[in-house]
PDB file of N, CA and C in Angstrom:
ATOM      1  N   MET A   1     -16.058 -21.600 -25.125  1.00  0.00           N
ATOM      2  CA  MET A   1     -14.853 -20.860 -24.213  1.00  0.00           C
ATOM      3  C   MET A   1     -14.845 -20.702 -22.806  1.00  0.00           C
ATOM      4  N   LYS A   2     -14.908 -20.635 -21.913  1.00  0.00           N
ATOM      5  CA  LYS A   2     -14.377 -20.895 -20.611  1.00  0.00           C
ATOM      6  C   LYS A   2     -14.531 -19.928 -19.831  1.00  0.00           C
ATOM      7  N   ILE A   3     -15.253 -19.082 -19.127  1.00  0.00           N
ATOM      8  CA  ILE A   3     -14.759 -17.527 -18.593  1.00  0.00           C
ATOM      9  C   ILE A   3     -15.571 -18.062 -16.929  1.00  0.00           C
ATOM     10  N   LEU A   4     -14.188 -17.520 -16.114  1.00  0.00           N
ATOM     11  CA  LEU A   4     -14.101 -17.295 -14.631  1.00  0.00           C
ATOM     12  C   LEU A   4     -15.017 -15.321 -14.507  1.00  0.00           C
ATOM     13  N   ILE A   5     -16.077 -15.704 -13.459  1.00  0.00           N
ATOM     14  CA  ILE A   5     -15.955 -13.889 -13.131  1.00  0.00           C
ATOM     15  C   ILE A   5     -15.912 -14.708 -11.542  1.00  0.00           C
ATOM     16  N   VAL A   6     -14.900 -13.237 -11.410  1.00  0.00           N
ATOM     17  CA  VAL A   6     -14.695 -12.949  -9.728  1.00  0.00           C
ATOM     18  C   VAL A   6     -15.081 -11.790  -9.250  1.00  0.00           C
ATOM     19  N   ASP A   7     -16.102 -12.024  -8.447  1.00  0.00           N
ATOM     20  CA  ASP A   7     -17.103 -10.809  -8.022  1.00  0.00           C
ATOM     21  C   ASP A   7     -17.013 -11.123  -6.279  1.00  0.00           C
ATOM     22  N   ASP A   8     -17.588 -10.113  -5.322  1.00  0.00           N
ATOM     23  CA  ASP A   8     -17.601 -10.830  -4.343  1.00  0.00           C
ATOM     24  C   ASP A   8     -19.793 -10.616  -4.643  1.00  0.00           C
ATOM     25  N   SER A   9     -20.054  -9.754  -5.272  1.00  0.00           N
ATOM     26  CA  SER A   9     -21.250  -9.403  -5.190  1.00  0.00           C
ATOM     27  C   SER A   9     -22.223 -10.549  -5.744  1.00  0.00           C
ATOM     28  N   GLY A  10     -23.039 -11.270  -5.555  1.00  0.00           N
ATOM     29  CA  GLY A  10     -23.796 -12.741  -6.518  1.00  0.00           C
ATOM     30  C   GLY A  10     -24.817 -11.704  -7.233  1.00  0.00           C
ATOM     31  N   VAL A  11     -25.250 -10.962  -7.359  1.00  0.00           N
ATOM     32  CA  VAL A  11     -26.423  -9.801  -8.173  1.00  0.00           C
ATOM     33  C   VAL A  11     -25.038  -9.865  -9.458  1.00  0.00           C
ATOM     34  N   HIS A  12     -23.797  -9.371  -9.198  1.00  0.00           N
ATOM     35  CA  HIS A  12     -23.229  -9.067 -10.303  1.00  0.00           C
ATOM     36  C   HIS A  12     -22.764  -9.820 -11.042  1.00  0.00           C
ATOM     37  N   ARG A  13     -22.327 -11.193 -10.476  1.00  0.00           N
ATOM     38  CA  ARG A  13     -22.073 -12.068 -10.947  1.00  0.00           C
ATOM     39  C   ARG A  13     -23.396 -12.792 -11.723  1.00  0.00           C
ATOM     40  N   LYS A  14     -24.551 -12.978 -11.249  1.00  0.00           N
ATOM     41  CA  LYS A  14     -25.546 -13.116 -11.707  1.00  0.00           C
ATOM     42  C   LYS A  14     -25.501 -12.604 -12.878  1.00  0.00           C
ATOM     43  N   LEU A  15     -25.907 -11.244 -13.031  1.00  0.00           N
ATOM     44  CA  LEU A  15     -25.871 -10.898 -14.442  1.00  0.00           C
ATOM     45  C   LEU A  15     -24.838 -10.870 -15.592  1.00  0.00           C
ATOM     46  N   ILE A  16     -23.805 -10.335 -14.977  1.00  0.00           N
ATOM     47  CA  ILE A  16     -22.665 -10.982 -15.980  1.00  0.00           C
ATOM     48  C   ILE A  16     -22.876 -12.329 -16.763  1.00  0.00           C
ATOM     49  N   ARG A  17     -23.011 -13.670 -16.130  1.00  0.00           N
ATOM     50  CA  ARG A  17     -23.206 -14.679 -15.909  1.00  0.00           C
ATOM     51  C   ARG A  17     -24.254 -14.938 -17.495  1.00  0.00           C
ATOM     52  N   ARG A  18     -25.654 -14.182 -16.753  1.00  0.00           N
ATOM     53  CA  ARG A  18     -26.838 -13.913 -17.811  1.00  0.00           C
ATOM     54  C   ARG A  18     -26.085 -13.770 -19.174  1.00  0.00           C
ATOM     55  N   ASP A  19     -25.286 -12.466 -19.766  1.00  0.00           N
ATOM     56  CA  ASP A  19     -24.803 -11.685 -20.613  1.00  0.00           C
ATOM     57  C   ASP A  19     -23.948 -12.783 -21.228  1.00  0.00           C
ATOM     58  N   LEU A  20     -22.694 -13.273 -20.578  1.00  0.00           N
ATOM     59  CA  LEU A  20     -22.608 -14.267 -21.322  1.00  0.00           C
ATOM     60  C   LEU A  20     -22.674 -15.762 -22.004  1.00  0.00           C
ATOM     61  N   GLU A  21     -23.505 -16.105 -21.343  1.00  0.00           N
ATOM     62  CA  GLU A  21     -24.203 -17.638 -21.341  1.00  0.00           C
ATOM     63  C   GLU A  21     -24.920 -17.463 -22.252  1.00  0.00           C
ATOM     64  N   SER A  22     -25.960 -16.041 -22.808  1.00  0.00           N
ATOM     65  CA  SER A  22     -26.595 -15.699 -24.014  1.00  0.00           C
ATOM     66  C   SER A  22     -25.307 -16.009 -25.087  1.00  0.00           C
ATOM     67  N   GLU A  23     -23.978 -15.528 -24.795  1.00  0.00           N
ATOM     68  CA  GLU A  23     -23.287 -15.648 -26.127  1.00  0.00           C
ATOM     69  C   GLU A  23     -21.921 -17.368 -26.621  1.00  0.00           C
ATOM     70  N   GLY A  24     -22.775 -18.256 -25.371  1.00  0.00           N
ATOM     71  CA  GLY A  24     -22.365 -19.978 -25.345  1.00  0.00           C
ATOM     72  C   GLY A  24     -20.796 -19.687 -25.059  1.00  0.00           C
ATOM     73  N   ALA A  25     -21.333 -18.898 -23.754  1.00  0.00           N
ATOM     74  CA  ALA A  25     -20.093 -19.748 -22.876  1.00  0.00           C
ATOM     75  C   ALA A  25     -20.488 -19.671 -21.956  1.00  0.00           C
ATOM     76  N   GLU A  26     -19.567 -20.703 -20.913  1.00  0.00           N
ATOM     77  CA  GLU A  26     -19.511 -21.622 -20.187  1.00  0.00           C
ATOM     78  C   GLU A  26     -18.848 -21.087 -18.849  1.00  0.00           C
ATOM     79  N   ILE A  27     -19.402 -20.834 -17.884  1.00  0.00           N
ATOM     80  CA  ILE A  27     -19.528 -19.807 -17.094  1.00  0.00           C
ATOM     81  C   ILE A  27     -18.612 -20.569 -15.289  1.00  0.00           C
ATOM     82  N   PHE A  28     -17.883 -19.971 -15.115  1.00  0.00           N
ATOM     83  CA  PHE A  28     -17.693 -20.039 -13.217  1.00  0.00           C
ATOM     84  C   PHE A  28     -17.894 -19.243 -12.903  1.00  0.00           C
ATOM     85  N   GLU A  29     -17.745 -19.238 -11.368  1.00  0.00           N
ATOM     86  CA  GLU A  29     -18.230 -18.316 -10.461  1.00  0.00           C
ATOM     87  C   GLU A  29     -17.266 -18.149  -9.399  1.00  0.00           C
ATOM     88  N   ALA A  30     -16.299 -16.925  -9.063  1.00  0.00           N
ATOM     89  CA  ALA A  30     -15.591 -17.122  -7.535  1.00  0.00           C
ATOM     90  C   ALA A  30     -15.997 -15.742  -6.726  1.00  0.00           C
ATOM     91  N   SER A  31     -16.286 -16.072  -5.487  1.00  0.00           N
ATOM     92  CA  SER A  31     -16.785 -15.305  -5.000  1.00  0.00           C
ATOM     93  C   SER A  31     -15.353 -14.131  -4.207  1.00  0.00           C
ATOM     94  N   SER A  32     -14.682 -14.505  -4.342  1.00  0.00           N
ATOM     95  CA  SER A  32     -12.694 -13.829  -3.755  1.00  0.00           C
ATOM     96  C   SER A  32     -11.786 -14.374  -4.497  1.00  0.00           C
ATOM     97  N   GLY A  33     -10.712 -13.963  -4.679  1.00  0.00           N
ATOM     98  CA  GLY A  33      -9.169 -13.721  -4.917  1.00  0.00           C
ATOM     99  C   GLY A  33      -8.917 -15.269  -4.745  1.00  0.00           C
ATOM    100  N   GLU A  34      -8.703 -16.039  -3.644  1.00  0.00           N
ATOM    101  CA  GLU A  34      -9.003 -16.917  -2.733  1.00  0.00           C
ATOM    102  C   GLU A  34      -9.624 -17.981  -3.713  1.00  0.00           C
ATOM    103  N   GLU A  35     -10.726 -18.442  -3.632  1.00  0.00           N
ATOM    104  CA  GLU A  35     -11.701 -18.903  -4.301  1.00  0.00           C
ATOM    105  C   GLU A  35     -11.513 -19.066  -5.589  1.00  0.00           C
ATOM    106  N   ALA A  36     -10.467 -17.832  -6.352  1.00  0.00           N
ATOM    107  CA  ALA A  36     -10.833 -18.140  -7.813  1.00  0.00           C
ATOM    108  C   ALA A  36      -9.344 -18.972  -8.161  1.00  0.00           C
ATOM    109  N   LEU A  37      -8.345 -18.712  -7.462  1.00  0.00           N
ATOM    110  CA  LEU A  37      -7.267 -19.917  -7.439  1.00  0.00           C
ATOM    111  C   LEU A  37      -8.094 -21.307  -7.911  1.00  0.00           C
ATOM    112  N   THR A  38      -8.776 -21.476  -6.907  1.00  0.00           N
ATOM    113  CA  THR A  38      -9.076 -23.095  -6.821  1.00  0.00           C
ATOM    114  C   THR A  38      -9.602 -23.148  -8.505  1.00  0.00           C
ATOM    115  N   CYS A  39     -10.033 -21.930  -9.046  1.00  0.00           N
ATOM    116  CA  CYS A  39     -10.271 -22.798 -10.063  1.00  0.00           C
ATOM    117  C   CYS A  39      -9.273 -23.193 -11.412  1.00  0.00           C
ATOM    118  N   GLN A  40      -8.017 -22.824 -11.181  1.00  0.00           N
ATOM    119  CA  GLN A  40      -7.666 -22.827 -11.702  1.00  0.00           C
ATOM    120  C   GLN A  40      -7.200 -24.335 -13.019  1.00  0.00           C
ATOM    121  N   GLY A  41      -7.441 -24.863 -11.883  1.00  0.00           N
ATOM    122  CA  GLY A  41      -7.556 -26.519 -12.844  1.00  0.00           C
ATOM    123  C   GLY A  41      -8.503 -26.853 -13.823  1.00  0.00           C
ATOM    124  N   LYS A  42      -9.505 -26.016 -13.812  1.00  0.00           N
ATOM    125  CA  LYS A  42     -10.169 -25.834 -14.961  1.00  0.00           C
ATOM    126  C   LYS A  42     -10.768 -25.293 -16.563  1.00  0.00           C
ATOM    127  N   ASN A  43      -9.341 -25.158 -16.562  1.00  0.00           N
ATOM    128  CA  ASN A  43      -8.703 -24.746 -17.610  1.00  0.00           C
ATOM    129  C   ASN A  43      -9.352 -23.958 -17.963  1.00  0.00           C
ATOM    130  N   VAL A  44      -9.721 -22.144 -17.681  1.00  0.00           N
ATOM    131  CA  VAL A  44     -10.654 -21.260 -18.117  1.00  0.00           C
ATOM    132  C   VAL A  44      -9.739 -20.784 -18.824  1.00  0.00           C
ATOM    133  N   ASN A  45     -10.202 -19.956 -19.706  1.00  0.00           N
ATOM    134  CA  ASN A  45      -9.340 -19.031 -20.830  1.00  0.00           C
ATOM    135  C   ASN A  45      -9.791 -17.603 -20.290  1.00  0.00           C
ATOM    136  N   ILE A  46     -10.478 -17.254 -19.632  1.00  0.00           N
ATOM    137  CA  ILE A  46     -10.239 -15.433 -19.508  1.00  0.00           C
ATOM    138  C   ILE A  46     -10.806 -15.700 -18.454  1.00  0.00           C
ATOM    139  N   PHE A  47     -10.226 -14.643 -17.160  1.00  0.00           N
ATOM    140  CA  PHE A  47     -10.479 -13.998 -16.537  1.00  0.00           C
ATOM    141  C   PHE A  47     -11.159 -12.744 -16.519  1.00  0.00           C
ATOM    142  N   LEU A  48     -12.229 -12.466 -15.306  1.00  0.00           N
ATOM    143  CA  LEU A  48     -13.306 -11.697 -15.859  1.00  0.00           C
ATOM    144  C   LEU A  48     -13.310 -10.915 -14.270  1.00  0.00           C
ATOM    145  N   LYS A  49     -12.615 -10.184 -13.852  1.00  0.00           N
ATOM    146  CA  LYS A  49     -12.767  -9.069 -12.612  1.00  0.00           C
ATOM    147  C   LYS A  49     -13.943  -8.091 -12.796  1.00  0.00           C
ATOM    148  N   SER A  50     -15.098  -7.691 -11.836  1.00  0.00           N
ATOM    149  CA  SER A  50     -15.574  -6.311 -11.870  1.00  0.00           C
ATOM    150  C   SER A  50     -15.516  -5.961 -11.037  1.00  0.00           C
ATOM    151  N   ALA A  51     -14.973  -5.120 -10.803  1.00  0.00           N
ATOM    152  CA  ALA A  51     -14.740  -4.152  -9.597  1.00  0.00           C
ATOM    153  C   ALA A  51     -15.706  -2.908  -9.272  1.00  0.00           C
ATOM    154  N   ALA A  52     -16.418  -2.911  -8.499  1.00  0.00           N
ATOM    155  CA  ALA A  52     -17.141  -1.446  -7.741  1.00  0.00           C
ATOM    156  C   ALA A  52     -17.282  -0.945  -6.639  1.00  0.00           C
ATOM    157  N   MET A  53     -16.813   0.384  -6.729  1.00  0.00           N
ATOM    158  CA  MET A  53     -16.453   0.928  -5.409  1.00  0.00           C
ATOM    159  C   MET A  53     -17.430   1.729  -5.285  1.00  0.00           C
ATOM    160  N   ILE A  54     -17.649   1.662  -3.755  1.00  0.00           N
ATOM    161  CA  ILE A  54     -19.485   2.632  -3.608  1.00  0.00           C
ATOM    162  C   ILE A  54     -18.451   3.414  -2.743  1.00  0.00           C
ATOM    163  N   TYR A  55     -18.409   4.945  -2.864  1.00  0.00           N
ATOM    164  CA  TYR A  55     -18.530   5.826  -1.611  1.00  0.00           C
ATOM    165  C   TYR A  55     -19.472   6.265  -0.747  1.00  0.00           C
ATOM    166  N   PRO A  56     -19.582   6.632   0.660  1.00  0.00           N
ATOM    167  CA  PRO A  56     -20.601   7.112   1.134  1.00  0.00           C
ATOM    168  C   PRO A  56     -20.661   8.381   0.891  1.00  0.00           C
ATOM    169  N   ALA A  57     -22.059   9.244   0.567  1.00  0.00           N
ATOM    170  CA  ALA A  57     -22.124  10.880   0.063  1.00  0.00           C
ATOM    171  C   ALA A  57     -21.721  11.776   1.154  1.00  0.00           C
TER     172      ALA A  57
END
């Protein structure tokens, strides 16, 4: 299975990648929506978006 991880945080992408690769997935990464669109030609099956909002206290 090919999975595209889209997240602006390299740390988040690395953690998600590690978990999914351990399940046998082939991982592609993008740090923005624009970059993700360039991956369309790679026959990616699943788009995974991790969203984390941090608000000041």
